[in-house]
Every structure is written in C-alpha cells, then in structure tokens.
Amino acid sequence: MSLITGTQWRNAVTVQPSPICPHRPSCPTPDARDREAARTVANHPEQGWSLLCNGIVVFEDTGELLPDGRVIAPHRPTTAA
C-alpha cells in the first residue's frame, strides 16, 4: 500500500468551480467580496456544510473552504445590530 502526500490528497478532493456558471446573473467568483451569495448546489445540513456554485464549501459555523484550499475562519458577528 502506498501513502499519498498532502498535496496529492488536496488535489484529489478539491472541487474546482465550473468555468461557466449556468445561473443568470452569474454567481460571484471565489475571490469576490460577495462570494457567499453564490447559489447552493449541494446542501448537507446534517453534516453542517454546503457547496456553492463557485466551488466554495461553507460551514454552519460560518467558516469557508475555498477551491484553492485556503481556509476562511468563522466570521460570525460579534455585536448585536
């Protein structure tokens, strides 16, 4: 049995966004400030995550996993509006 490296694992599980979003208007890109406004394409509330059209995985604690492997820490509001 051969072991895979961390890079191989990330490449195997990374979801790449479609180069052409089928929605009109198009969903925001993963680098856009409003990236969380992309449409949900897979929802798994029992596991606490959803996949957006732009390839971002959002978690119920408001953390995010971007398509390039970067992690965005949870960013809940800290004060009441």
N, C-alpha and C. Protein backbone atom coordinates (compact mmCIF):
# COMPACT_ATOMS: atom_id res chain seq x y z
N MET A 1 0.85 -1.18 0.00
CA MET A 1 0.00 0.00 0.00
C MET A 1 0.89 1.24 0.00
N SER A 2 0.62 2.17 -0.90
CA SER A 2 1.41 3.39 -0.95
C SER A 2 0.65 4.52 -0.27
N LEU A 3 1.39 5.41 0.35
CA LEU A 3 0.79 6.56 1.01
C LEU A 3 0.76 7.72 0.05
N ILE A 4 -0.28 8.55 0.15
CA ILE A 4 -0.33 9.73 -0.70
C ILE A 4 0.10 10.93 0.13
N THR A 5 0.67 11.89 -0.53
CA THR A 5 1.13 13.09 0.15
C THR A 5 -0.04 14.03 0.39
N GLY A 6 0.18 15.03 1.23
CA GLY A 6 -0.86 16.01 1.49
C GLY A 6 -1.29 16.75 0.24
N THR A 7 -0.33 17.06 -0.65
CA THR A 7 -0.67 17.74 -1.90
C THR A 7 -1.52 16.85 -2.78
N GLN A 8 -1.19 15.58 -2.88
CA GLN A 8 -1.99 14.67 -3.68
C GLN A 8 -3.41 14.57 -3.13
N TRP A 9 -3.55 14.53 -1.82
CA TRP A 9 -4.86 14.45 -1.19
C TRP A 9 -5.67 15.71 -1.49
N ARG A 10 -5.05 16.88 -1.32
CA ARG A 10 -5.75 18.13 -1.61
C ARG A 10 -6.19 18.18 -3.06
N ASN A 11 -5.31 17.76 -3.98
CA ASN A 11 -5.67 17.77 -5.40
C ASN A 11 -6.80 16.80 -5.69
N ALA A 12 -6.85 15.69 -4.98
CA ALA A 12 -7.88 14.68 -5.22
C ALA A 12 -9.25 15.12 -4.71
N VAL A 13 -9.29 15.91 -3.64
CA VAL A 13 -10.57 16.26 -3.04
C VAL A 13 -11.00 17.69 -3.33
N THR A 14 -10.14 18.50 -3.97
CA THR A 14 -10.50 19.87 -4.26
C THR A 14 -11.58 19.92 -5.33
N VAL A 15 -12.62 20.67 -5.05
CA VAL A 15 -13.70 20.84 -6.03
C VAL A 15 -13.38 22.09 -6.83
N GLN A 16 -13.27 21.94 -8.12
CA GLN A 16 -12.99 23.08 -8.98
C GLN A 16 -14.31 23.64 -9.49
N PRO A 17 -14.49 24.96 -9.40
CA PRO A 17 -15.73 25.54 -9.90
C PRO A 17 -15.81 25.43 -11.41
N SER A 18 -17.02 25.37 -11.90
CA SER A 18 -17.24 25.34 -13.33
C SER A 18 -16.74 26.65 -13.93
N PRO A 19 -16.04 26.61 -15.08
CA PRO A 19 -15.56 27.85 -15.67
C PRO A 19 -16.71 28.74 -16.14
N ILE A 20 -17.87 28.14 -16.36
CA ILE A 20 -19.02 28.92 -16.80
C ILE A 20 -20.19 28.61 -15.87
N CYS A 21 -20.60 29.58 -15.11
CA CYS A 21 -21.73 29.40 -14.19
C CYS A 21 -23.01 29.38 -15.02
N PRO A 22 -23.88 28.37 -14.79
CA PRO A 22 -25.12 28.29 -15.58
C PRO A 22 -26.20 29.27 -15.12
N HIS A 23 -25.98 29.94 -14.00
CA HIS A 23 -27.01 30.84 -13.46
C HIS A 23 -26.92 32.22 -14.10
N ARG A 24 -28.09 32.87 -14.16
CA ARG A 24 -28.16 34.24 -14.67
C ARG A 24 -28.86 35.09 -13.65
N PRO A 25 -28.27 36.13 -13.13
CA PRO A 25 -26.89 36.52 -13.37
C PRO A 25 -25.91 35.50 -12.80
N SER A 26 -24.69 35.52 -13.30
CA SER A 26 -23.67 34.56 -12.86
C SER A 26 -23.37 34.73 -11.37
N CYS A 27 -23.03 33.62 -10.75
CA CYS A 27 -22.66 33.64 -9.33
C CYS A 27 -21.32 34.34 -9.15
N PRO A 28 -21.09 34.96 -7.99
CA PRO A 28 -19.81 35.61 -7.73
C PRO A 28 -18.67 34.59 -7.73
N THR A 29 -17.50 35.02 -8.13
CA THR A 29 -16.33 34.16 -8.13
C THR A 29 -15.84 33.93 -6.70
N PRO A 30 -15.00 32.93 -6.48
CA PRO A 30 -14.49 32.67 -5.14
C PRO A 30 -13.70 33.82 -4.55
N ASP A 31 -13.16 34.70 -5.39
CA ASP A 31 -12.36 35.83 -4.91
C ASP A 31 -13.18 37.09 -4.69
N ALA A 32 -14.45 37.08 -5.06
CA ALA A 32 -15.30 38.26 -4.93
C ALA A 32 -15.66 38.49 -3.46
N ARG A 33 -15.92 39.74 -3.12
CA ARG A 33 -16.30 40.06 -1.74
C ARG A 33 -17.63 39.43 -1.37
N ASP A 34 -18.53 39.27 -2.34
CA ASP A 34 -19.85 38.69 -2.09
C ASP A 34 -19.91 37.21 -2.46
N ARG A 35 -18.78 36.50 -2.35
CA ARG A 35 -18.68 35.09 -2.78
C ARG A 35 -19.71 34.18 -2.13
N GLU A 36 -20.16 34.52 -0.93
CA GLU A 36 -21.15 33.69 -0.22
C GLU A 36 -22.54 33.80 -0.83
N ALA A 37 -22.73 34.73 -1.77
CA ALA A 37 -24.04 34.91 -2.41
C ALA A 37 -24.25 33.92 -3.56
N ALA A 38 -23.24 33.10 -3.88
CA ALA A 38 -23.39 32.10 -4.95
C ALA A 38 -24.47 31.10 -4.54
N ARG A 39 -25.10 30.50 -5.53
CA ARG A 39 -26.18 29.54 -5.26
C ARG A 39 -25.64 28.24 -4.67
N THR A 40 -26.44 27.65 -3.82
CA THR A 40 -26.09 26.36 -3.22
C THR A 40 -26.38 25.25 -4.22
N VAL A 41 -25.38 24.38 -4.45
CA VAL A 41 -25.58 23.27 -5.37
C VAL A 41 -25.64 21.93 -4.64
N ALA A 42 -25.16 21.88 -3.41
CA ALA A 42 -25.27 20.68 -2.57
C ALA A 42 -25.39 21.14 -1.14
N ASN A 43 -26.41 20.62 -0.44
CA ASN A 43 -26.67 21.04 0.93
C ASN A 43 -26.67 19.82 1.84
N HIS A 44 -25.85 19.85 2.88
CA HIS A 44 -25.78 18.74 3.83
C HIS A 44 -25.89 19.28 5.26
N PRO A 45 -27.09 19.73 5.66
CA PRO A 45 -27.24 20.31 7.00
C PRO A 45 -26.95 19.32 8.11
N GLU A 46 -27.16 18.02 7.85
CA GLU A 46 -26.87 17.01 8.87
C GLU A 46 -25.38 16.92 9.15
N GLN A 47 -24.55 17.37 8.19
CA GLN A 47 -23.11 17.37 8.37
C GLN A 47 -22.56 18.77 8.59
N GLY A 48 -23.41 19.78 8.43
CA GLY A 48 -23.02 21.15 8.72
C GLY A 48 -22.29 21.88 7.61
N TRP A 49 -22.48 21.49 6.35
CA TRP A 49 -21.82 22.19 5.26
C TRP A 49 -22.67 22.20 4.00
N SER A 50 -22.33 23.15 3.11
CA SER A 50 -22.98 23.28 1.81
C SER A 50 -21.92 23.63 0.77
N LEU A 51 -22.14 23.20 -0.46
CA LEU A 51 -21.26 23.52 -1.58
C LEU A 51 -21.95 24.57 -2.43
N LEU A 52 -21.23 25.65 -2.72
CA LEU A 52 -21.77 26.72 -3.55
C LEU A 52 -21.34 26.53 -5.00
N CYS A 53 -22.04 27.18 -5.91
CA CYS A 53 -21.77 27.07 -7.34
C CYS A 53 -20.34 27.46 -7.69
N ASN A 54 -19.75 28.37 -6.95
CA ASN A 54 -18.40 28.83 -7.24
C ASN A 54 -17.32 27.93 -6.64
N GLY A 55 -17.70 26.79 -6.08
CA GLY A 55 -16.73 25.84 -5.55
C GLY A 55 -16.38 26.01 -4.09
N ILE A 56 -16.99 26.95 -3.42
CA ILE A 56 -16.71 27.18 -2.01
C ILE A 56 -17.56 26.25 -1.15
N VAL A 57 -16.94 25.68 -0.13
CA VAL A 57 -17.68 24.90 0.86
C VAL A 57 -17.87 25.83 2.06
N VAL A 58 -19.14 26.08 2.42
CA VAL A 58 -19.43 26.91 3.59
C VAL A 58 -19.92 26.01 4.71
N PHE A 59 -19.50 26.32 5.93
CA PHE A 59 -19.85 25.54 7.09
C PHE A 59 -20.84 26.30 7.96
N GLU A 60 -21.61 25.57 8.75
CA GLU A 60 -22.64 26.22 9.57
C GLU A 60 -22.07 27.17 10.60
N ASP A 61 -20.79 27.03 10.94
CA ASP A 61 -20.18 27.97 11.89
C ASP A 61 -19.66 29.22 11.19
N THR A 62 -19.97 29.39 9.92
CA THR A 62 -19.62 30.50 9.02
C THR A 62 -18.19 30.43 8.50
N GLY A 63 -17.48 29.35 8.74
CA GLY A 63 -16.16 29.15 8.14
C GLY A 63 -16.34 28.75 6.68
N GLU A 64 -15.25 28.86 5.91
CA GLU A 64 -15.31 28.54 4.49
C GLU A 64 -14.04 27.81 4.06
N LEU A 65 -14.18 26.97 3.06
CA LEU A 65 -13.06 26.32 2.40
C LEU A 65 -13.12 26.73 0.94
N LEU A 66 -12.11 27.49 0.50
CA LEU A 66 -12.10 27.98 -0.87
C LEU A 66 -11.57 26.91 -1.82
N PRO A 67 -11.91 27.02 -3.11
CA PRO A 67 -11.50 26.00 -4.08
C PRO A 67 -9.99 25.79 -4.16
N ASP A 68 -9.20 26.82 -3.84
CA ASP A 68 -7.75 26.69 -3.92
C ASP A 68 -7.14 26.11 -2.64
N GLY A 69 -8.00 25.73 -1.68
CA GLY A 69 -7.54 25.12 -0.43
C GLY A 69 -7.38 26.08 0.73
N ARG A 70 -7.54 27.39 0.49
CA ARG A 70 -7.45 28.34 1.60
C ARG A 70 -8.64 28.18 2.53
N VAL A 71 -8.41 28.46 3.79
CA VAL A 71 -9.45 28.36 4.81
C VAL A 71 -9.79 29.76 5.30
N ILE A 72 -11.08 30.06 5.37
CA ILE A 72 -11.56 31.32 5.95
C ILE A 72 -12.15 30.94 7.31
N ALA A 73 -11.60 31.53 8.35
CA ALA A 73 -12.07 31.23 9.71
C ALA A 73 -13.52 31.69 9.88
N PRO A 74 -14.24 31.08 10.81
CA PRO A 74 -15.61 31.52 11.10
C PRO A 74 -15.63 33.02 11.37
N HIS A 75 -16.64 33.68 10.85
CA HIS A 75 -16.71 35.14 10.96
C HIS A 75 -18.12 35.59 11.34
N ARG A 76 -18.58 35.07 12.46
CA ARG A 76 -19.88 35.47 12.97
C ARG A 76 -19.80 36.91 13.50
N PRO A 77 -20.92 37.62 13.41
CA PRO A 77 -20.93 38.97 14.02
C PRO A 77 -20.68 38.88 15.52
N THR A 78 -19.92 39.80 16.04
CA THR A 78 -19.61 39.77 17.47
C THR A 78 -20.45 40.76 18.27
N THR A 79 -21.22 41.61 17.58
CA THR A 79 -22.09 42.56 18.28
C THR A 79 -23.49 42.49 17.70
N ALA A 80 -24.46 42.80 18.53
CA ALA A 80 -25.86 42.81 18.06
C ALA A 80 -26.08 44.06 17.23
N ALA A 81 -26.91 43.92 16.21
CA ALA A 81 -27.21 45.08 15.33
C ALA A 81 -28.21 45.99 15.98
